[in-house]
């Protein structure tokens, strides 16, 4: 048996469209993965800077106490999470959101 008949013009068009869609899918996957990696990196960097700020504050309080300055009490620590009125719950459950809640 010899080679089959050459593909028709429609088959060639569909093959080229399939290649373009496949290429676009690979590009979309790369963008998605890189945006996730950038998100994780920025999140870790911000957490590190936040911890460094807390450490700097504690060190400054310690040094000022050693030097004899009267240092005010620490501000209250709030649990992590959305602030008051910023939750994403149903209305009437303390949630805020864009529609106000209540």
N, C-alpha and C. Protein backbone atom coordinates (compact mmCIF):
# COMPACT_ATOMS: atom_id res chain seq x y z
N UNK A 1 0.84 -1.18 0.00
CA UNK A 1 0.00 0.00 0.00
C UNK A 1 0.88 1.24 0.00
N UNK A 2 0.53 2.19 -0.78
CA UNK A 2 1.28 3.44 -0.86
C UNK A 2 0.71 4.47 0.11
N UNK A 3 1.25 5.66 0.07
CA UNK A 3 0.73 6.72 0.96
C UNK A 3 -0.69 7.09 0.56
N UNK A 4 -1.45 7.53 1.56
CA UNK A 4 -2.83 7.91 1.33
C UNK A 4 -2.92 9.20 0.52
N UNK A 5 -4.12 9.59 0.18
CA UNK A 5 -4.28 10.83 -0.58
C UNK A 5 -3.87 12.03 0.27
N UNK A 6 -3.41 13.10 -0.35
CA UNK A 6 -3.03 14.29 0.42
C UNK A 6 -4.26 14.89 1.10
N UNK A 7 -4.04 15.59 2.22
CA UNK A 7 -5.18 16.17 2.93
C UNK A 7 -5.87 17.23 2.08
N UNK A 8 -7.17 17.31 2.26
CA UNK A 8 -7.94 18.31 1.52
C UNK A 8 -7.65 19.70 2.09
N UNK A 9 -8.04 20.74 1.37
CA UNK A 9 -7.80 22.10 1.91
C UNK A 9 -8.46 22.32 3.27
N UNK A 10 -9.65 21.76 3.51
CA UNK A 10 -10.28 21.92 4.80
C UNK A 10 -9.47 21.25 5.90
N UNK A 11 -8.95 20.08 5.62
CA UNK A 11 -8.14 19.39 6.63
C UNK A 11 -6.87 20.17 6.94
N UNK A 12 -6.26 20.77 5.93
CA UNK A 12 -5.05 21.59 6.17
C UNK A 12 -5.39 22.81 7.02
N UNK A 13 -6.54 23.44 6.74
CA UNK A 13 -6.96 24.61 7.53
C UNK A 13 -7.21 24.21 8.98
N UNK A 14 -7.91 23.08 9.17
CA UNK A 14 -8.18 22.63 10.53
C UNK A 14 -6.91 22.24 11.27
N UNK A 15 -5.94 21.65 10.58
CA UNK A 15 -4.66 21.31 11.21
C UNK A 15 -3.92 22.58 11.62
N UNK A 16 -3.93 23.60 10.78
CA UNK A 16 -3.23 24.84 11.14
C UNK A 16 -3.94 25.54 12.30
N UNK A 17 -5.28 25.53 12.30
CA UNK A 17 -6.02 26.12 13.42
C UNK A 17 -5.73 25.36 14.70
N UNK A 18 -5.64 24.04 14.61
CA UNK A 18 -5.32 23.23 15.78
C UNK A 18 -3.94 23.59 16.32
N UNK A 19 -2.97 23.81 15.46
CA UNK A 19 -1.64 24.21 15.91
C UNK A 19 -1.65 25.56 16.59
N UNK A 20 -2.43 26.51 16.05
CA UNK A 20 -2.51 27.84 16.65
C UNK A 20 -3.17 27.76 18.03
N UNK A 21 -4.25 26.99 18.15
CA UNK A 21 -4.94 26.86 19.44
C UNK A 21 -4.03 26.17 20.46
N UNK A 22 -3.30 25.16 20.02
CA UNK A 22 -2.38 24.47 20.92
C UNK A 22 -1.29 25.42 21.42
N UNK A 23 -0.76 26.24 20.52
CA UNK A 23 0.27 27.21 20.90
C UNK A 23 -0.30 28.24 21.88
N UNK A 24 -1.51 28.73 21.62
CA UNK A 24 -2.13 29.70 22.52
C UNK A 24 -2.38 29.07 23.89
N UNK A 25 -2.74 27.78 23.93
CA UNK A 25 -2.94 27.11 25.21
C UNK A 25 -1.65 27.00 26.00
N UNK A 26 -0.55 26.73 25.31
CA UNK A 26 0.74 26.66 26.02
C UNK A 26 1.14 28.02 26.57
N UNK A 27 0.90 29.07 25.79
CA UNK A 27 1.23 30.42 26.27
C UNK A 27 0.36 30.77 27.48
N UNK A 28 -0.93 30.45 27.42
CA UNK A 28 -1.83 30.74 28.54
C UNK A 28 -1.38 29.98 29.79
N UNK A 29 -0.96 28.74 29.63
CA UNK A 29 -0.49 27.96 30.78
C UNK A 29 0.75 28.60 31.39
N UNK A 30 1.69 29.04 30.54
CA UNK A 30 2.90 29.68 31.05
C UNK A 30 2.57 30.96 31.81
N UNK A 31 1.67 31.76 31.26
CA UNK A 31 1.28 33.01 31.94
C UNK A 31 0.65 32.70 33.29
N UNK A 32 -0.22 31.70 33.33
CA UNK A 32 -0.88 31.33 34.58
C UNK A 32 0.13 30.87 35.63
N UNK A 33 1.04 29.99 35.23
CA UNK A 33 2.03 29.48 36.18
C UNK A 33 2.94 30.59 36.68
N UNK A 34 3.36 31.48 35.78
CA UNK A 34 4.25 32.56 36.21
C UNK A 34 3.54 33.56 37.09
N UNK A 35 2.25 33.81 36.83
CA UNK A 35 1.53 34.74 37.70
C UNK A 35 1.35 34.12 39.09
N UNK A 36 1.13 32.82 39.17
CA UNK A 36 1.05 32.18 40.49
C UNK A 36 2.38 32.26 41.22
N UNK A 37 3.47 32.01 40.50
CA UNK A 37 4.79 32.08 41.13
C UNK A 37 5.08 33.50 41.61
N UNK A 38 4.72 34.49 40.80
CA UNK A 38 4.94 35.88 41.21
C UNK A 38 4.07 36.22 42.42
N UNK A 39 2.85 35.72 42.45
CA UNK A 39 1.98 35.97 43.59
C UNK A 39 2.58 35.38 44.87
N UNK A 40 3.04 34.14 44.80
CA UNK A 40 3.64 33.50 45.98
C UNK A 40 4.90 34.24 46.42
N UNK A 41 5.71 34.68 45.47
CA UNK A 41 6.94 35.39 45.82
C UNK A 41 6.62 36.72 46.49
N UNK A 42 5.68 37.48 45.92
CA UNK A 42 5.33 38.77 46.51
C UNK A 42 4.70 38.59 47.89
N UNK A 43 3.88 37.56 48.04
CA UNK A 43 3.27 37.29 49.33
C UNK A 43 4.33 36.98 50.39
N UNK A 44 5.30 36.15 50.03
CA UNK A 44 6.37 35.81 50.97
C UNK A 44 7.21 37.05 51.29
N UNK A 45 7.47 37.88 50.30
CA UNK A 45 8.26 39.08 50.53
C UNK A 45 7.53 40.04 51.47
N UNK A 46 6.24 40.22 51.26
CA UNK A 46 5.47 41.11 52.13
C UNK A 46 5.40 40.57 53.55
N UNK A 47 5.26 39.25 53.70
CA UNK A 47 5.25 38.68 55.05
C UNK A 47 6.60 38.88 55.73
N UNK A 48 7.67 38.71 54.96
CA UNK A 48 9.01 38.91 55.52
C UNK A 48 9.20 40.35 55.96
N UNK A 49 8.77 41.30 55.15
CA UNK A 49 8.89 42.71 55.53
C UNK A 49 8.02 43.03 56.73
N UNK A 50 6.85 42.42 56.80
CA UNK A 50 5.98 42.64 57.96
C UNK A 50 6.64 42.12 59.23
N UNK A 51 7.21 40.91 59.16
CA UNK A 51 7.90 40.36 60.33
C UNK A 51 9.11 41.21 60.71
N UNK A 52 9.83 41.71 59.70
CA UNK A 52 10.99 42.55 59.99
C UNK A 52 10.55 43.84 60.68
N UNK A 53 9.40 44.39 60.26
CA UNK A 53 8.89 45.60 60.91
C UNK A 53 8.51 45.35 62.35
N UNK A 54 7.90 44.20 62.63
CA UNK A 54 7.55 43.86 64.00
C UNK A 54 8.81 43.69 64.84
N UNK A 55 9.80 43.02 64.27
CA UNK A 55 11.06 42.82 64.99
C UNK A 55 11.76 44.15 65.25
N UNK A 56 11.75 45.04 64.25
CA UNK A 56 12.36 46.36 64.44
C UNK A 56 11.64 47.13 65.55
N UNK A 57 10.32 47.04 65.58
CA UNK A 57 9.57 47.73 66.64
C UNK A 57 9.92 47.21 68.02
N UNK A 58 10.03 45.89 68.14
CA UNK A 58 10.39 45.31 69.43
C UNK A 58 11.81 45.72 69.84
N UNK A 59 12.73 45.70 68.88
CA UNK A 59 14.10 46.11 69.17
C UNK A 59 14.17 47.58 69.59
N UNK A 60 13.40 48.43 68.91
CA UNK A 60 13.39 49.84 69.27
C UNK A 60 12.83 50.04 70.68
N UNK A 61 11.76 49.31 71.02
CA UNK A 61 11.21 49.41 72.37
C UNK A 61 12.23 48.98 73.41
N UNK A 62 12.96 47.87 73.11
CA UNK A 62 13.94 47.36 74.05
C UNK A 62 15.07 48.37 74.27
N UNK A 63 15.57 48.94 73.18
CA UNK A 63 16.68 49.91 73.29
C UNK A 63 16.22 51.16 74.02
N UNK A 64 15.02 51.63 73.72
CA UNK A 64 14.53 52.82 74.41
C UNK A 64 14.35 52.56 75.90
N UNK A 65 13.89 51.36 76.27
CA UNK A 65 13.79 51.05 77.70
C UNK A 65 15.16 51.00 78.35
N UNK A 66 16.16 50.43 77.61
CA UNK A 66 17.52 50.41 78.17
C UNK A 66 18.06 51.81 78.39
N UNK A 67 17.70 52.74 77.50
CA UNK A 67 18.18 54.11 77.63
C UNK A 67 17.40 54.92 78.66
N UNK A 68 16.35 54.33 79.23
CA UNK A 68 15.63 55.00 80.30
C UNK A 68 14.40 55.74 79.85
N UNK A 69 14.04 55.66 78.59
CA UNK A 69 12.82 56.33 78.13
C UNK A 69 11.60 55.52 78.55
N UNK A 70 10.53 56.25 78.84
CA UNK A 70 9.29 55.57 79.18
C UNK A 70 8.61 55.19 77.87
N UNK A 71 8.45 53.88 77.68
CA UNK A 71 7.88 53.38 76.43
C UNK A 71 6.41 53.09 76.64
N UNK A 72 5.53 53.60 75.76
CA UNK A 72 4.11 53.30 75.93
C UNK A 72 3.83 51.82 75.69
N UNK A 73 2.70 51.37 76.25
CA UNK A 73 2.32 49.97 76.07
C UNK A 73 2.10 49.67 74.59
N UNK A 74 2.26 48.40 74.28
CA UNK A 74 2.03 47.96 72.89
C UNK A 74 0.57 48.12 72.54
N UNK A 75 0.28 48.45 71.27
CA UNK A 75 -1.13 48.48 70.86
C UNK A 75 -1.69 47.07 70.85
N UNK A 76 -3.02 46.97 71.00
CA UNK A 76 -3.65 45.65 71.01
C UNK A 76 -3.41 44.93 69.70
N UNK A 77 -3.16 43.64 69.79
CA UNK A 77 -2.98 42.82 68.60
C UNK A 77 -4.34 42.27 68.17
N UNK A 78 -4.70 42.50 66.92
CA UNK A 78 -5.95 41.98 66.39
C UNK A 78 -5.67 40.65 65.70
N UNK A 79 -6.61 39.72 65.76
CA UNK A 79 -6.40 38.44 65.06
C UNK A 79 -6.35 38.69 63.56
N UNK A 80 -5.56 37.89 62.83
CA UNK A 80 -5.48 38.10 61.40
C UNK A 80 -6.81 37.82 60.74
N UNK A 81 -7.05 38.49 59.64
CA UNK A 81 -8.30 38.29 58.92
C UNK A 81 -8.86 39.64 58.51
N UNK A 82 -10.02 39.63 57.89
CA UNK A 82 -10.61 40.90 57.47
C UNK A 82 -11.01 41.74 58.66
N UNK A 83 -10.89 43.02 58.50
CA UNK A 83 -11.22 43.94 59.56
C UNK A 83 -12.72 44.00 59.79
N UNK A 84 -13.15 44.82 60.75
CA UNK A 84 -14.59 44.91 61.02
C UNK A 84 -15.32 45.47 59.81
N UNK A 85 -16.43 44.81 59.46
CA UNK A 85 -17.23 45.28 58.34
C UNK A 85 -16.67 44.91 56.99
N UNK A 86 -15.61 44.13 56.94
CA UNK A 86 -15.01 43.79 55.66
C UNK A 86 -15.18 42.32 55.31
N UNK A 87 -15.93 41.57 56.13
CA UNK A 87 -16.12 40.15 55.86
C UNK A 87 -16.97 39.93 54.62
N UNK A 88 -16.90 38.74 54.10
CA UNK A 88 -17.67 38.42 52.91
C UNK A 88 -18.77 37.43 53.26
N UNK A 89 -19.64 37.82 54.14
CA UNK A 89 -20.73 36.95 54.55
C UNK A 89 -22.05 37.45 54.01
N UNK A 90 -23.12 36.72 54.30
CA UNK A 90 -24.44 37.19 53.87
C UNK A 90 -24.84 38.42 54.67
N UNK A 91 -25.74 39.23 54.13
CA UNK A 91 -26.17 40.44 54.87
C UNK A 91 -26.77 40.06 56.21
N UNK A 92 -26.49 40.86 57.20
CA UNK A 92 -27.03 40.61 58.53
C UNK A 92 -26.15 39.72 59.37
N UNK A 93 -25.08 39.19 58.83
CA UNK A 93 -24.20 38.29 59.58
C UNK A 93 -22.87 38.97 59.92
N UNK A 94 -22.84 40.29 59.89
CA UNK A 94 -21.61 41.00 60.21
C UNK A 94 -20.73 41.19 59.00
N UNK A 95 -21.14 40.71 57.87
CA UNK A 95 -20.35 40.84 56.67
C UNK A 95 -20.55 42.20 56.05
N UNK A 96 -19.53 42.68 55.41
CA UNK A 96 -19.64 43.97 54.74
C UNK A 96 -19.79 43.78 53.27
N UNK A 97 -18.67 43.68 52.61
CA UNK A 97 -18.70 43.50 51.17
C UNK A 97 -19.07 44.80 50.47
N UNK A 98 -19.36 44.70 49.21
CA UNK A 98 -19.64 45.89 48.42
C UNK A 98 -21.07 46.38 48.61
N UNK A 99 -21.97 45.50 49.04
CA UNK A 99 -23.37 45.89 49.14
C UNK A 99 -23.74 46.39 50.53
N UNK A 100 -22.79 46.46 51.42
CA UNK A 100 -23.05 47.05 52.73
C UNK A 100 -23.25 46.05 53.82
N UNK A 101 -24.00 45.01 53.61
CA UNK A 101 -24.23 44.04 54.68
C UNK A 101 -25.07 44.68 55.78
N UNK A 102 -24.81 44.25 56.99
CA UNK A 102 -25.57 44.95 57.99
C UNK A 102 -25.68 44.20 59.22
